[in-house]
Amino acid sequence: MFQLRTLDDLTATELDHLLTEANSLLVKKEFECHSQKSVANLFFEPSTRTKTSFEMAEHQLGLHVLPFDVEHSSVKKGETLYDTVKTLEAIGCDAVVIRHPEQAYYKDLEGVSIPVINAGDGAGDHPTQSLLDLLTIQQEFLFFQNLNIVIAGDVRHSRVARTNARILRKLGARVYFTGPPQWMDEDITEGKVVSMDEALEIADVIMLLRIQVERHEETGGWTKESYHETYGLTEEREIRMKSGSIIMHPAPFNRGVEIADTVVECERSRIFKQMTNGVAVRKAVLKRALSLEEEIV
């Protein structure tokens, strides 16, 4: 049974297959599905892009999406995540997509017999976001080996940073980090910390991160303006970036804080391209999880 908890679940062959499949699915968007399979999306944290991206992917694959609203479910009566998923399994649901604030929540679902697709676990992993990031980089450069990737901002609290750093290193990229010192994490950065101005000189890709205020125990002691001037990608810094380099951000982005308003949609920005790729990546993951290869036309 195909599970996607972290990208560590995937072999190199499976990773390459998913990226190739996602790229092909960008062209063909609608399918007729004969499987009648059902999926439930369990989002225990707010989400716009990931949730709607999965919903669009499920719609385009012709899957049945079981409505699930955490606020009006038995979770509010104290039901555990395991019992919720076992219930969905028992009534015929074929797979679940889960975002949860608890890191590695999927370890509590070992007795579940349907595919679990991780849509983000606390500050742990975000495998489908990382897959769409990889697809975006691959479309641009064709390869990962020796690319300089700078991950900028709130590294410590970011599941995107953690997942991307690990997989990009495996693929041969050189991964650097920049941001406030208290948001660096040696377990992730491995000493590869540079200033934002140094990042401009080396980066083929600058991957900005949202400031995750909801995970902070105390304020950083700066204003939005001072953060932008010290650690953000300002208009002046964007102009100084290497020729051919690109800007990425998993969004939601804080305009005028980690990124200048005018830079969000500048020529080198791939932020909205990432969102487009997200639907294709999630279709590829759902096809694999539900073994739909023979059931959609």
C-alpha atoms as a PDB file:
ATOM      1  CA  MET A   1       0.000   0.000   0.000  1.00  0.00           C
ATOM      2  CA  PHE A   2       1.397   3.375  -1.047  1.00  0.00           C
ATOM      3  CA  GLN A   3       1.658   5.823   1.840  1.00  0.00           C
ATOM      4  CA  LEU A   4       3.086   9.329   1.713  1.00  0.00           C
ATOM      5  CA  ARG A   5       4.113  10.396   5.188  1.00  0.00           C
ATOM      6  CA  THR A   6       7.528  11.889   4.363  1.00  0.00           C
ATOM      7  CA  LEU A   7       9.592  11.906   1.193  1.00  0.00           C
ATOM      8  CA  ASP A   8      11.774   9.331   2.960  1.00  0.00           C
ATOM      9  CA  ASP A   9       8.942   6.915   2.097  1.00  0.00           C
ATOM     10  CA  LEU A  10       9.878   7.173  -1.575  1.00  0.00           C
ATOM     11  CA  THR A  11      12.634   5.430  -3.466  1.00  0.00           C
ATOM     12  CA  ALA A  12      14.579   7.470  -6.025  1.00  0.00           C
ATOM     13  CA  THR A  13      12.626   5.677  -8.759  1.00  0.00           C
ATOM     14  CA  GLU A  14       9.274   6.488  -7.161  1.00  0.00           C
ATOM     15  CA  LEU A  15      10.267  10.139  -6.717  1.00  0.00           C
ATOM     16  CA  ASP A  16      11.312  10.408 -10.347  1.00  0.00           C
ATOM     17  CA  HIS A  17       8.101   8.679 -11.478  1.00  0.00           C
ATOM     18  CA  LEU A  18       5.907  11.073  -9.490  1.00  0.00           C
ATOM     19  CA  LEU A  19       7.657  14.141 -10.924  1.00  0.00           C
ATOM     20  CA  THR A  20       7.430  12.782 -14.473  1.00  0.00           C
ATOM     21  CA  GLU A  21       3.770  11.872 -13.974  1.00  0.00           C
ATOM     22  CA  ALA A  22       2.965  15.287 -12.470  1.00  0.00           C
ATOM     23  CA  ASN A  23       4.600  17.032 -15.414  1.00  0.00           C
ATOM     24  CA  SER A  24       2.470  15.023 -17.853  1.00  0.00           C
ATOM     25  CA  LEU A  25      -0.686  15.761 -15.829  1.00  0.00           C
ATOM     26  CA  LEU A  26      -0.164  19.494 -16.316  1.00  0.00           C
ATOM     27  CA  VAL A  27      -1.322  18.985 -19.899  1.00  0.00           C
ATOM     28  CA  LYS A  28      -4.300  16.685 -19.359  1.00  0.00           C
ATOM     29  CA  LYS A  29      -6.497  18.112 -16.608  1.00  0.00           C
ATOM     30  CA  GLU A  30      -9.793  16.250 -16.705  1.00  0.00           C
ATOM     31  CA  PHE A  31     -10.304  12.481 -16.532  1.00  0.00           C
ATOM     32  CA  GLU A  32     -13.170  10.050 -16.566  1.00  0.00           C
ATOM     33  CA  CYS A  33     -12.766   7.778 -13.556  1.00  0.00           C
ATOM     34  CA  HIS A  34     -14.425   4.339 -13.458  1.00  0.00           C
ATOM     35  CA  SER A  35     -13.206   3.397 -10.002  1.00  0.00           C
ATOM     36  CA  GLN A  36     -15.838   5.210  -7.869  1.00  0.00           C
ATOM     37  CA  LYS A  37     -13.163   5.619  -5.209  1.00  0.00           C
ATOM     38  CA  SER A  38     -13.624   8.056  -2.340  1.00  0.00           C
ATOM     39  CA  VAL A  39     -11.228  10.331  -0.493  1.00  0.00           C
ATOM     40  CA  ALA A  40     -11.658  12.389   2.683  1.00  0.00           C
ATOM     41  CA  ASN A  41      -9.636  15.528   3.430  1.00  0.00           C
ATOM     42  CA  LEU A  42      -9.029  15.974   7.157  1.00  0.00           C
ATOM     43  CA  PHE A  43      -7.576  19.406   7.812  1.00  0.00           C
ATOM     44  CA  PHE A  44      -7.004  20.148  11.485  1.00  0.00           C
ATOM     45  CA  GLU A  45      -5.111  23.370  10.646  1.00  0.00           C
ATOM     46  CA  PRO A  46      -6.178  26.274   8.416  1.00  0.00           C
ATOM     47  CA  SER A  47      -5.180  25.861   4.781  1.00  0.00           C
ATOM     48  CA  THR A  48      -6.038  27.541   1.503  1.00  0.00           C
ATOM     49  CA  ARG A  49      -3.550  26.331  -1.096  1.00  0.00           C
ATOM     50  CA  THR A  50      -2.964  22.755   0.047  1.00  0.00           C
ATOM     51  CA  LYS A  51      -6.617  21.981   0.803  1.00  0.00           C
ATOM     52  CA  THR A  52      -8.050  23.501  -2.379  1.00  0.00           C
ATOM     53  CA  SER A  53      -5.200  22.040  -4.404  1.00  0.00           C
ATOM     54  CA  PHE A  54      -6.066  18.534  -3.170  1.00  0.00           C
ATOM     55  CA  GLU A  55      -9.755  19.221  -3.803  1.00  0.00           C
ATOM     56  CA  MET A  56      -9.035  20.362  -7.362  1.00  0.00           C
ATOM     57  CA  ALA A  57      -6.814  17.325  -7.951  1.00  0.00           C
ATOM     58  CA  GLU A  58      -9.557  15.008  -6.666  1.00  0.00           C
ATOM     59  CA  HIS A  59     -12.163  16.745  -8.831  1.00  0.00           C
ATOM     60  CA  GLN A  60     -10.017  16.513 -11.951  1.00  0.00           C
ATOM     61  CA  LEU A  61      -9.381  12.799 -11.299  1.00  0.00           C
ATOM     62  CA  GLY A  62     -13.131  12.173 -10.985  1.00  0.00           C
ATOM     63  CA  LEU A  63     -12.905  10.986  -7.374  1.00  0.00           C
ATOM     64  CA  HIS A  64     -15.686  11.230  -4.823  1.00  0.00           C
ATOM     65  CA  VAL A  65     -14.726  13.581  -2.001  1.00  0.00           C
ATOM     66  CA  LEU A  66     -16.378  12.794   1.324  1.00  0.00           C
ATOM     67  CA  PRO A  67     -17.195  16.012   3.154  1.00  0.00           C
ATOM     68  CA  PHE A  68     -15.377  16.261   6.488  1.00  0.00           C
ATOM     69  CA  ASP A  69     -15.514  19.315   8.711  1.00  0.00           C
ATOM     70  CA  VAL A  70     -13.423  19.086  11.871  1.00  0.00           C
ATOM     71  CA  GLU A  71     -15.602  21.638  13.648  1.00  0.00           C
ATOM     72  CA  HIS A  72     -18.728  19.521  13.122  1.00  0.00           C
ATOM     73  CA  SER A  73     -17.219  16.072  13.604  1.00  0.00           C
ATOM     74  CA  SER A  74     -16.869  13.678  16.548  1.00  0.00           C
ATOM     75  CA  VAL A  75     -13.363  15.058  17.020  1.00  0.00           C
ATOM     76  CA  LYS A  76     -15.122  17.766  19.031  1.00  0.00           C
ATOM     77  CA  LYS A  77     -16.498  15.002  21.297  1.00  0.00           C
ATOM     78  CA  GLY A  78     -13.004  13.701  21.983  1.00  0.00           C
ATOM     79  CA  GLU A  79     -12.673  11.081  19.240  1.00  0.00           C
ATOM     80  CA  THR A  80      -9.050  10.252  18.479  1.00  0.00           C
ATOM     81  CA  LEU A  81      -7.513  10.704  15.052  1.00  0.00           C
ATOM     82  CA  TYR A  82      -7.055   6.942  14.812  1.00  0.00           C
ATOM     83  CA  ASP A  83     -10.742   6.268  15.517  1.00  0.00           C
ATOM     84  CA  THR A  84     -11.823   8.943  13.049  1.00  0.00           C
ATOM     85  CA  VAL A  85      -9.729   7.427  10.269  1.00  0.00           C
ATOM     86  CA  LYS A  86     -10.790   3.861  11.158  1.00  0.00           C
ATOM     87  CA  THR A  87     -14.412   5.026  10.942  1.00  0.00           C
ATOM     88  CA  LEU A  88     -13.846   6.502   7.493  1.00  0.00           C
ATOM     89  CA  GLU A  89     -12.131   3.280   6.458  1.00  0.00           C
ATOM     90  CA  ALA A  90     -15.051   1.200   7.775  1.00  0.00           C
ATOM     91  CA  ILE A  91     -17.677   3.139   5.811  1.00  0.00           C
ATOM     92  CA  GLY A  92     -15.747   2.659   2.571  1.00  0.00           C
ATOM     93  CA  CYS A  93     -13.377   5.603   2.223  1.00  0.00           C
ATOM     94  CA  ASP A  94     -10.395   4.578   0.091  1.00  0.00           C
ATOM     95  CA  ALA A  95      -7.795   7.131   1.235  1.00  0.00           C
ATOM     96  CA  VAL A  96      -7.383  10.068   3.595  1.00  0.00           C
ATOM     97  CA  VAL A  97      -5.463  13.313   3.196  1.00  0.00           C
ATOM     98  CA  ILE A  98      -4.503  14.731   6.607  1.00  0.00           C
ATOM     99  CA  ARG A  99      -3.024  17.986   7.846  1.00  0.00           C
ATOM    100  CA  HIS A 100      -2.479  18.003  11.598  1.00  0.00           C
ATOM    101  CA  PRO A 101      -0.665  20.268  14.083  1.00  0.00           C
ATOM    102  CA  GLU A 102       1.000  17.294  15.792  1.00  0.00           C
ATOM    103  CA  GLN A 103       4.395  16.386  14.383  1.00  0.00           C
ATOM    104  CA  ALA A 104       4.498  12.835  12.943  1.00  0.00           C
ATOM    105  CA  TYR A 105       0.796  12.283  13.751  1.00  0.00           C
ATOM    106  CA  TYR A 106       0.829   9.415  11.249  1.00  0.00           C
ATOM    107  CA  LYS A 107       2.713   7.220  13.717  1.00  0.00           C
ATOM    108  CA  ASP A 108      -0.595   6.825  15.569  1.00  0.00           C
ATOM    109  CA  LEU A 109      -2.256   5.431  12.424  1.00  0.00           C
ATOM    110  CA  GLU A 110      -0.254   2.221  12.049  1.00  0.00           C
ATOM    111  CA  GLY A 111      -3.430   0.099  12.263  1.00  0.00           C
ATOM    112  CA  VAL A 112      -5.111   1.882   9.366  1.00  0.00           C
ATOM    113  CA  SER A 113      -5.436  -0.119   6.131  1.00  0.00           C
ATOM    114  CA  ILE A 114      -6.075   2.690   3.637  1.00  0.00           C
ATOM    115  CA  PRO A 115      -3.481   5.115   2.235  1.00  0.00           C
ATOM    116  CA  VAL A 116      -2.653   8.121   4.409  1.00  0.00           C
ATOM    117  CA  ILE A 117      -1.327  11.146   2.526  1.00  0.00           C
ATOM    118  CA  ASN A 118       0.410  13.691   4.723  1.00  0.00           C
ATOM    119  CA  ALA A 119      -0.672  17.248   3.891  1.00  0.00           C
ATOM    120  CA  GLY A 120       1.599  18.683   6.608  1.00  0.00           C
ATOM    121  CA  ASP A 121       2.382  17.610  10.175  1.00  0.00           C
ATOM    122  CA  GLY A 122       3.267  20.345  12.657  1.00  0.00           C
ATOM    123  CA  ALA A 123       6.818  21.528  12.029  1.00  0.00           C
ATOM    124  CA  GLY A 124       7.667  18.078  10.678  1.00  0.00           C
ATOM    125  CA  ASP A 125       7.160  17.401   6.972  1.00  0.00           C
ATOM    126  CA  HIS A 126       5.175  18.655   4.007  1.00  0.00           C
ATOM    127  CA  PRO A 127       5.906  16.090   1.280  1.00  0.00           C
ATOM    128  CA  THR A 128       3.495  17.269  -1.432  1.00  0.00           C
ATOM    129  CA  GLN A 129       4.707  20.876  -1.060  1.00  0.00           C
ATOM    130  CA  SER A 130       8.246  19.624  -1.467  1.00  0.00           C
ATOM    131  CA  LEU A 131       7.285  17.596  -4.546  1.00  0.00           C
ATOM    132  CA  LEU A 132       5.763  20.653  -6.207  1.00  0.00           C
ATOM    133  CA  ASP A 133       8.859  22.655  -5.303  1.00  0.00           C
ATOM    134  CA  LEU A 134      11.058  19.978  -6.873  1.00  0.00           C
ATOM    135  CA  LEU A 135       8.891  19.969  -9.996  1.00  0.00           C
ATOM    136  CA  THR A 136       9.177  23.758 -10.274  1.00  0.00           C
ATOM    137  CA  ILE A 137      12.973  23.645  -9.961  1.00  0.00           C
ATOM    138  CA  GLN A 138      13.229  20.732 -12.385  1.00  0.00           C
ATOM    139  CA  GLN A 139      11.139  22.567 -14.997  1.00  0.00           C
ATOM    140  CA  GLU A 140      13.505  25.524 -14.712  1.00  0.00           C
ATOM    141  CA  PHE A 141      16.931  23.875 -14.543  1.00  0.00           C
ATOM    142  CA  LEU A 142      16.257  20.216 -15.571  1.00  0.00           C
ATOM    143  CA  PHE A 143      18.614  18.969 -12.816  1.00  0.00           C
ATOM    144  CA  PHE A 144      19.355  19.448  -9.101  1.00  0.00           C
ATOM    145  CA  GLN A 145      23.035  18.509  -8.927  1.00  0.00           C
ATOM    146  CA  ASN A 146      25.202  21.458  -7.742  1.00  0.00           C
ATOM    147  CA  LEU A 147      22.378  23.993  -7.842  1.00  0.00           C
ATOM    148  CA  ASN A 148      22.654  26.598  -5.079  1.00  0.00           C
ATOM    149  CA  ILE A 149      19.373  26.754  -3.171  1.00  0.00           C
ATOM    150  CA  VAL A 150      18.974  29.347  -0.401  1.00  0.00           C
ATOM    151  CA  ILE A 151      16.097  28.801   2.046  1.00  0.00           C
ATOM    152  CA  ALA A 152      15.306  32.134   3.709  1.00  0.00           C
ATOM    153  CA  GLY A 153      13.404  33.134   6.838  1.00  0.00           C
ATOM    154  CA  ASP A 154      11.707  31.195   9.606  1.00  0.00           C
ATOM    155  CA  VAL A 155      13.627  27.951   9.133  1.00  0.00           C
ATOM    156  CA  ARG A 156      13.186  26.532  12.644  1.00  0.00           C
ATOM    157  CA  HIS A 157       9.377  26.412  12.493  1.00  0.00           C
ATOM    158  CA  SER A 158       9.017  25.426   8.848  1.00  0.00           C
ATOM    159  CA  ARG A 159       8.094  21.926   7.737  1.00  0.00           C
ATOM    160  CA  VAL A 160       8.769  23.100   4.164  1.00  0.00           C
ATOM    161  CA  ALA A 161      12.371  24.015   5.042  1.00  0.00           C
ATOM    162  CA  ARG A 162      12.960  20.739   6.852  1.00  0.00           C
ATOM    163  CA  THR A 163      11.568  18.571   4.035  1.00  0.00           C
ATOM    164  CA  ASN A 164      13.171  20.506   1.207  1.00  0.00           C
ATOM    165  CA  ALA A 165      16.608  20.669   2.823  1.00  0.00           C
ATOM    166  CA  ARG A 166      16.688  16.904   3.264  1.00  0.00           C
ATOM    167  CA  ILE A 167      15.491  15.955  -0.223  1.00  0.00           C
ATOM    168  CA  LEU A 168      17.464  18.629  -2.088  1.00  0.00           C
ATOM    169  CA  ARG A 169      20.704  17.481  -0.436  1.00  0.00           C
ATOM    170  CA  LYS A 170      19.905  13.893  -1.453  1.00  0.00           C
ATOM    171  CA  LEU A 171      19.447  15.083  -5.021  1.00  0.00           C
ATOM    172  CA  GLY A 172      22.852  16.795  -5.033  1.00  0.00           C
ATOM    173  CA  ALA A 173      21.906  20.454  -4.553  1.00  0.00           C
ATOM    174  CA  ARG A 174      23.936  22.762  -2.305  1.00  0.00           C
ATOM    175  CA  VAL A 175      21.500  24.075   0.305  1.00  0.00           C
ATOM    176  CA  TYR A 176      22.129  27.298   2.268  1.00  0.00           C
ATOM    177  CA  PHE A 177      20.019  29.213   4.769  1.00  0.00           C
ATOM    178  CA  THR A 178      19.500  32.820   5.769  1.00  0.00           C
ATOM    179  CA  GLY A 179      17.327  34.612   8.321  1.00  0.00           C
ATOM    180  CA  PRO A 180      17.253  35.734  11.954  1.00  0.00           C
ATOM    181  CA  PRO A 181      19.794  33.748  14.039  1.00  0.00           C
ATOM    182  CA  GLN A 182      17.140  32.601  16.523  1.00  0.00           C
ATOM    183  CA  TRP A 183      15.214  30.973  13.672  1.00  0.00           C
ATOM    184  CA  MET A 184      18.143  28.944  12.417  1.00  0.00           C
ATOM    185  CA  ASP A 185      18.275  25.294  13.482  1.00  0.00           C
ATOM    186  CA  GLU A 186      21.566  23.428  13.291  1.00  0.00           C
ATOM    187  CA  ASP A 187      19.719  20.136  12.744  1.00  0.00           C
ATOM    188  CA  ILE A 188      18.413  21.619   9.482  1.00  0.00           C
ATOM    189  CA  THR A 189      21.065  24.149   8.457  1.00  0.00           C
ATOM    190  CA  GLU A 190      24.176  22.024   9.193  1.00  0.00           C
ATOM    191  CA  GLY A 191      26.244  25.225   9.406  1.00  0.00           C
ATOM    192  CA  LYS A 192      25.328  26.470   5.920  1.00  0.00           C
ATOM    193  CA  VAL A 193      24.086  29.914   7.049  1.00  0.00           C
ATOM    194  CA  VAL A 194      24.727  33.051   4.968  1.00  0.00           C
ATOM    195  CA  SER A 195      23.424  36.620   5.050  1.00  0.00           C
ATOM    196  CA  MET A 196      20.639  37.641   2.667  1.00  0.00           C
ATOM    197  CA  ASP A 197      23.128  39.806   0.758  1.00  0.00           C
ATOM    198  CA  GLU A 198      25.529  36.851   0.411  1.00  0.00           C
ATOM    199  CA  ALA A 199      22.586  34.745  -0.734  1.00  0.00           C
ATOM    200  CA  LEU A 200      22.006  37.082  -3.673  1.00  0.00           C
ATOM    201  CA  GLU A 201      25.504  36.335  -4.961  1.00  0.00           C
ATOM    202  CA  ILE A 202      25.201  32.555  -4.987  1.00  0.00           C
ATOM    203  CA  ALA A 203      21.530  31.548  -5.246  1.00  0.00           C
ATOM    204  CA  ASP A 204      20.079  29.866  -8.300  1.00  0.00           C
ATOM    205  CA  VAL A 205      16.890  29.586  -6.255  1.00  0.00           C
ATOM    206  CA  ILE A 206      15.834  31.740  -3.320  1.00  0.00           C
ATOM    207  CA  MET A 207      13.110  29.889  -1.462  1.00  0.00           C
ATOM    208  CA  LEU A 208      11.399  32.317   0.934  1.00  0.00           C
ATOM    209  CA  LEU A 209       9.450  31.140   3.982  1.00  0.00           C
ATOM    210  CA  ARG A 210       6.439  32.596   5.737  1.00  0.00           C
ATOM    211  CA  ILE A 211       7.016  33.906   9.271  1.00  0.00           C
ATOM    212  CA  GLN A 212       5.092  31.345  11.316  1.00  0.00           C
ATOM    213  CA  VAL A 213       3.864  33.586  14.136  1.00  0.00           C
ATOM    214  CA  GLU A 214       1.454  30.895  15.341  1.00  0.00           C
ATOM    215  CA  ARG A 215       4.414  28.656  16.280  1.00  0.00           C
ATOM    216  CA  HIS A 216       6.411  31.366  18.083  1.00  0.00           C
ATOM    217  CA  GLU A 217       6.612  31.426  21.871  1.00  0.00           C
ATOM    218  CA  GLU A 218       7.788  35.066  21.873  1.00  0.00           C
ATOM    219  CA  THR A 219       8.008  37.945  19.413  1.00  0.00           C
ATOM    220  CA  GLY A 220      11.175  38.527  17.435  1.00  0.00           C
ATOM    221  CA  GLY A 221      11.441  42.127  18.630  1.00  0.00           C
ATOM    222  CA  TRP A 222      11.264  43.725  15.175  1.00  0.00           C
ATOM    223  CA  THR A 223       8.685  45.533  13.131  1.00  0.00           C
ATOM    224  CA  LYS A 224       7.485  44.371   9.722  1.00  0.00           C
ATOM    225  CA  GLU A 225       9.534  47.186   8.170  1.00  0.00           C
ATOM    226  CA  SER A 226      12.746  46.343  10.023  1.00  0.00           C
ATOM    227  CA  TYR A 227      12.401  42.636   9.229  1.00  0.00           C
ATOM    228  CA  HIS A 228      11.900  43.435   5.555  1.00  0.00           C
ATOM    229  CA  GLU A 229      14.972  45.664   5.409  1.00  0.00           C
ATOM    230  CA  THR A 230      17.225  43.196   7.255  1.00  0.00           C
ATOM    231  CA  TYR A 231      16.047  39.759   6.148  1.00  0.00           C
ATOM    232  CA  GLY A 232      13.464  40.253   3.401  1.00  0.00           C
ATOM    233  CA  LEU A 233      13.721  40.155  -0.374  1.00  0.00           C
ATOM    234  CA  THR A 234      13.396  43.852  -1.156  1.00  0.00           C
ATOM    235  CA  GLU A 235      13.052  45.364  -4.611  1.00  0.00           C
ATOM    236  CA  GLU A 236      16.714  46.413  -4.485  1.00  0.00           C
ATOM    237  CA  ARG A 237      17.858  42.899  -3.562  1.00  0.00           C
ATOM    238  CA  GLU A 238      15.754  41.284  -6.305  1.00  0.00           C
ATOM    239  CA  ILE A 239      17.547  43.441  -8.884  1.00  0.00           C
ATOM    240  CA  ARG A 240      20.907  42.176  -7.570  1.00  0.00           C
ATOM    241  CA  MET A 241      20.016  38.474  -7.879  1.00  0.00           C
ATOM    242  CA  LYS A 242      22.006  36.271 -10.279  1.00  0.00           C
ATOM    243  CA  SER A 243      20.958  36.180 -13.903  1.00  0.00           C
ATOM    244  CA  GLY A 244      18.620  33.232 -14.457  1.00  0.00           C
ATOM    245  CA  SER A 245      17.851  32.767 -10.785  1.00  0.00           C
ATOM    246  CA  ILE A 246      14.290  32.306  -9.564  1.00  0.00           C
ATOM    247  CA  ILE A 247      12.203  33.151  -6.494  1.00  0.00           C
ATOM    248  CA  MET A 248       9.948  30.643  -4.759  1.00  0.00           C
ATOM    249  CA  HIS A 249       7.622  30.838  -1.755  1.00  0.00           C
ATOM    250  CA  PRO A 250       5.198  28.185  -0.440  1.00  0.00           C
ATOM    251  CA  ALA A 251       2.701  30.947   0.499  1.00  0.00           C
ATOM    252  CA  PRO A 252       0.768  32.470   2.077  1.00  0.00           C
ATOM    253  CA  PHE A 253       3.258  35.319   1.748  1.00  0.00           C
ATOM    254  CA  ASN A 254       3.397  38.485   3.791  1.00  0.00           C
ATOM    255  CA  ARG A 255       3.795  41.297   1.270  1.00  0.00           C
ATOM    256  CA  GLY A 256       6.250  43.896   2.482  1.00  0.00           C
ATOM    257  CA  VAL A 257       7.690  41.562   5.129  1.00  0.00           C
ATOM    258  CA  GLU A 258       9.544  38.511   3.774  1.00  0.00           C
ATOM    259  CA  ILE A 259       8.978  39.689   0.191  1.00  0.00           C
ATOM    260  CA  ALA A 260       8.360  43.103  -1.400  1.00  0.00           C
ATOM    261  CA  ASP A 261       4.882  43.605  -2.822  1.00  0.00           C
ATOM    262  CA  THR A 262       6.203  44.243  -6.337  1.00  0.00           C
ATOM    263  CA  VAL A 263       8.514  41.210  -6.241  1.00  0.00           C
ATOM    264  CA  VAL A 264       5.675  38.708  -5.685  1.00  0.00           C
ATOM    265  CA  GLU A 265       4.812  38.734  -9.385  1.00  0.00           C
ATOM    266  CA  CYS A 266       8.128  39.877 -10.895  1.00  0.00           C
ATOM    267  CA  GLU A 267       9.656  38.100 -13.894  1.00  0.00           C
ATOM    268  CA  ARG A 268      11.806  35.753 -11.845  1.00  0.00           C
ATOM    269  CA  SER A 269       9.020  34.822  -9.399  1.00  0.00           C
ATOM    270  CA  ARG A 270       7.655  31.273  -9.720  1.00  0.00           C
ATOM    271  CA  ILE A 271       5.254  31.540  -6.772  1.00  0.00           C
ATOM    272  CA  PHE A 272       2.027  31.092  -8.719  1.00  0.00           C
ATOM    273  CA  LYS A 273       3.660  28.489 -10.946  1.00  0.00           C
ATOM    274  CA  GLN A 274       4.285  26.496  -7.761  1.00  0.00           C
ATOM    275  CA  MET A 275       0.558  26.570  -7.010  1.00  0.00           C
ATOM    276  CA  THR A 276      -0.283  25.321 -10.516  1.00  0.00           C
ATOM    277  CA  ASN A 277       2.260  22.534 -10.119  1.00  0.00           C
ATOM    278  CA  GLY A 278       0.695  21.644  -6.760  1.00  0.00           C
ATOM    279  CA  VAL A 279      -2.488  20.355  -8.386  1.00  0.00           C
ATOM    280  CA  ALA A 280      -0.522  18.204 -10.828  1.00  0.00           C
ATOM    281  CA  VAL A 281       1.694  16.779  -8.076  1.00  0.00           C
ATOM    282  CA  ARG A 282      -1.303  15.916  -5.908  1.00  0.00           C
ATOM    283  CA  LYS A 283      -3.024  14.215  -8.830  1.00  0.00           C
ATOM    284  CA  ALA A 284       0.086  12.101  -9.344  1.00  0.00           C
ATOM    285  CA  VAL A 285       0.201  11.200  -5.631  1.00  0.00           C
ATOM    286  CA  LEU A 286      -3.522  10.313  -5.520  1.00  0.00           C
ATOM    287  CA  LYS A 287      -3.247   8.216  -8.687  1.00  0.00           C
ATOM    288  CA  ARG A 288      -0.397   6.269  -7.123  1.00  0.00           C
ATOM    289  CA  ALA A 289      -2.089   5.905  -3.732  1.00  0.00           C
ATOM    290  CA  LEU A 290      -5.374   4.689  -5.209  1.00  0.00           C
ATOM    291  CA  SER A 291      -3.819   2.647  -8.025  1.00  0.00           C
ATOM    292  CA  LEU A 292      -5.868   4.550 -10.596  1.00  0.00           C
ATOM    293  CA  GLU A 293      -3.568   3.906 -13.553  1.00  0.00           C
ATOM    294  CA  GLU A 294      -5.976   1.395 -15.123  1.00  0.00           C
ATOM    295  CA  GLU A 295      -9.181   3.106 -14.019  1.00  0.00           C
ATOM    296  CA  ILE A 296      -9.058   6.583 -15.493  1.00  0.00           C
ATOM    297  CA  VAL A 297      -9.298   7.547 -19.137  1.00  0.00           C
END
